[in-house]
C-alpha atoms as a PDB file:
ATOM      1  CA  MET A   1      -8.409 -55.920-201.004  1.00  0.00           C
ATOM      2  CA  LYS A   2      -8.040 -52.307-201.889  1.00  0.00           C
ATOM      3  CA  PHE A   3      -9.638 -50.824-204.978  1.00  0.00           C
ATOM      4  CA  GLY A   4      -6.315 -49.803-206.580  1.00  0.00           C
ATOM      5  CA  ALA A   5      -5.622 -53.335-207.823  1.00  0.00           C
ATOM      6  CA  ILE A   6      -9.026 -53.418-209.463  1.00  0.00           C
ATOM      7  CA  MET A   7      -8.401 -50.060-211.115  1.00  0.00           C
ATOM      8  CA  GLN A   8      -5.064 -51.312-212.413  1.00  0.00           C
ATOM      9  CA  ALA A   9      -6.619 -54.533-213.734  1.00  0.00           C
ATOM     10  CA  CYS A  10      -9.302 -52.534-215.564  1.00  0.00           C
ATOM     11  CA  ARG A  11      -6.683 -50.258-217.111  1.00  0.00           C
ATOM     12  CA  GLU A  12      -4.503 -53.171-218.179  1.00  0.00           C
ATOM     13  CA  ARG A  13      -7.491 -55.108-219.571  1.00  0.00           C
ATOM     14  CA  ALA A  14      -8.276 -52.036-221.697  1.00  0.00           C
ATOM     15  CA  GLY A  15      -4.678 -52.046-222.985  1.00  0.00           C
ATOM     16  CA  LEU A  16      -3.868 -48.629-221.554  1.00  0.00           C
ATOM     17  CA  THR A  17      -0.596 -47.517-220.008  1.00  0.00           C
ATOM     18  CA  GLN A  18      -0.557 -45.292-216.950  1.00  0.00           C
ATOM     19  CA  GLU A  19       0.478 -42.419-219.200  1.00  0.00           C
ATOM     20  CA  GLN A  20      -2.466 -42.982-221.548  1.00  0.00           C
ATOM     21  CA  MET A  21      -4.836 -43.207-218.593  1.00  0.00           C
ATOM     22  CA  ALA A  22      -3.412 -39.985-217.201  1.00  0.00           C
ATOM     23  CA  GLU A  23      -4.149 -38.232-220.505  1.00  0.00           C
ATOM     24  CA  LYS A  24      -7.728 -39.479-220.556  1.00  0.00           C
ATOM     25  CA  LEU A  25      -8.345 -38.293-216.985  1.00  0.00           C
ATOM     26  CA  HIS A  26      -6.318 -35.075-217.231  1.00  0.00           C
ATOM     27  CA  ARG A  27      -4.055 -36.262-214.429  1.00  0.00           C
ATOM     28  CA  THR A  28      -0.353 -37.046-214.154  1.00  0.00           C
ATOM     29  CA  GLN A  29       1.133 -40.516-214.463  1.00  0.00           C
ATOM     30  CA  ALA A  30       2.224 -40.186-210.826  1.00  0.00           C
ATOM     31  CA  CYS A  31      -1.393 -39.569-209.804  1.00  0.00           C
ATOM     32  CA  ILE A  32      -2.526 -42.706-211.667  1.00  0.00           C
ATOM     33  CA  SER A  33       0.197 -44.681-209.900  1.00  0.00           C
ATOM     34  CA  LYS A  34      -0.991 -43.387-206.524  1.00  0.00           C
ATOM     35  CA  TYR A  35      -4.547 -44.513-207.284  1.00  0.00           C
ATOM     36  CA  GLU A  36      -3.402 -47.972-208.325  1.00  0.00           C
ATOM     37  CA  ASN A  37      -1.164 -48.377-205.278  1.00  0.00           C
ATOM     38  CA  ASP A  38      -3.869 -47.167-202.877  1.00  0.00           C
ATOM     39  CA  HIS A  39      -1.867 -44.111-201.857  1.00  0.00           C
ATOM     40  CA  LYS A  40      -4.656 -41.845-203.079  1.00  0.00           C
ATOM     41  CA  ILE A  41      -8.415 -42.442-203.200  1.00  0.00           C
ATOM     42  CA  PRO A  42     -10.221 -41.203-206.299  1.00  0.00           C
ATOM     43  CA  ASP A  43     -13.419 -39.224-205.939  1.00  0.00           C
ATOM     44  CA  MET A  44     -16.583 -40.588-207.560  1.00  0.00           C
ATOM     45  CA  PRO A  45     -16.398 -38.448-210.743  1.00  0.00           C
ATOM     46  CA  THR A  46     -12.814 -39.637-211.307  1.00  0.00           C
ATOM     47  CA  MET A  47     -13.833 -43.225-210.659  1.00  0.00           C
ATOM     48  CA  MET A  48     -16.697 -42.922-213.151  1.00  0.00           C
ATOM     49  CA  LYS A  49     -14.329 -41.506-215.798  1.00  0.00           C
ATOM     50  CA  TRP A  50     -11.833 -44.311-215.096  1.00  0.00           C
ATOM     51  CA  MET A  51     -14.422 -47.025-215.554  1.00  0.00           C
ATOM     52  CA  ASP A  52     -15.821 -45.329-218.652  1.00  0.00           C
ATOM     53  CA  ALA A  53     -12.339 -44.999-220.184  1.00  0.00           C
ATOM     54  CA  THR A  54     -11.608 -48.675-219.535  1.00  0.00           C
ATOM     55  CA  GLY A  55     -15.033 -50.006-220.503  1.00  0.00           C
ATOM     56  CA  ALA A  56     -15.456 -51.467-217.030  1.00  0.00           C
ATOM     57  CA  LYS A  57     -18.657 -49.954-215.697  1.00  0.00           C
ATOM     58  CA  GLU A  58     -19.807 -53.396-214.546  1.00  0.00           C
ATOM     59  CA  VAL A  59     -16.769 -53.566-212.252  1.00  0.00           C
ATOM     60  CA  LEU A  60     -17.738 -50.355-210.476  1.00  0.00           C
ATOM     61  CA  VAL A  61     -21.328 -51.545-210.100  1.00  0.00           C
ATOM     62  CA  ALA A  62     -20.144 -54.867-208.635  1.00  0.00           C
ATOM     63  CA  PHE A  63     -17.859 -53.070-206.189  1.00  0.00           C
ATOM     64  CA  LEU A  64     -20.547 -50.596-205.144  1.00  0.00           C
ATOM     65  CA  TYR A  65     -22.988 -53.456-204.564  1.00  0.00           C
ATOM     66  CA  GLY A  66     -20.551 -55.053-202.145  1.00  0.00           C
ATOM     67  CA  MET A  67     -18.785 -57.686-204.207  1.00  0.00           C
ATOM     68  CA  ASP A  68     -15.327 -58.251-202.748  1.00  0.00           C
ATOM     69  CA  GLY A  69     -12.281 -57.240-204.750  1.00  0.00           C
ATOM     70  CA  LEU A  70     -10.925 -60.757-205.206  1.00  0.00           C
ATOM     71  CA  SER A  71     -14.202 -61.962-206.720  1.00  0.00           C
ATOM     72  CA  ILE A  72     -14.253 -58.978-209.079  1.00  0.00           C
ATOM     73  CA  LEU A  73     -10.705 -59.724-210.258  1.00  0.00           C
ATOM     74  CA  GLN A  74     -11.507 -63.423-210.693  1.00  0.00           C
ATOM     75  CA  ASN A  75     -14.580 -62.546-212.776  1.00  0.00           C
ATOM     76  CA  MET A  76     -12.519 -60.140-214.893  1.00  0.00           C
ATOM     77  CA  MET A  77      -9.943 -62.863-215.568  1.00  0.00           C
ATOM     78  CA  THR A  78     -12.681 -65.326-216.490  1.00  0.00           C
ATOM     79  CA  LEU A  79     -14.131 -62.852-219.001  1.00  0.00           C
ATOM     80  CA  VAL A  80     -10.709 -62.196-220.528  1.00  0.00           C
ATOM     81  CA  GLY A  81      -9.735 -65.861-220.681  1.00  0.00           C
ATOM     82  CA  GLY A  82     -13.027 -67.288-221.826  1.00  0.00           C
END
């Protein structure tokens, strides 16, 4: 799994639109879409800002420590649902 789906899930969990995320990161909505669709790879400072803006720092840590994307998404859904 690519990281774009995880980025999108974090943004949606935070209740942000792509436009709102773009404002927070000083990017365009098209750029946010490219990240989420794995057409563009964010650099680490951008990734850190994304996770900070969405309150999902634990997701980045899990990904960096080698947790697979599907497990991360399943854990996110468990936290939201329970």
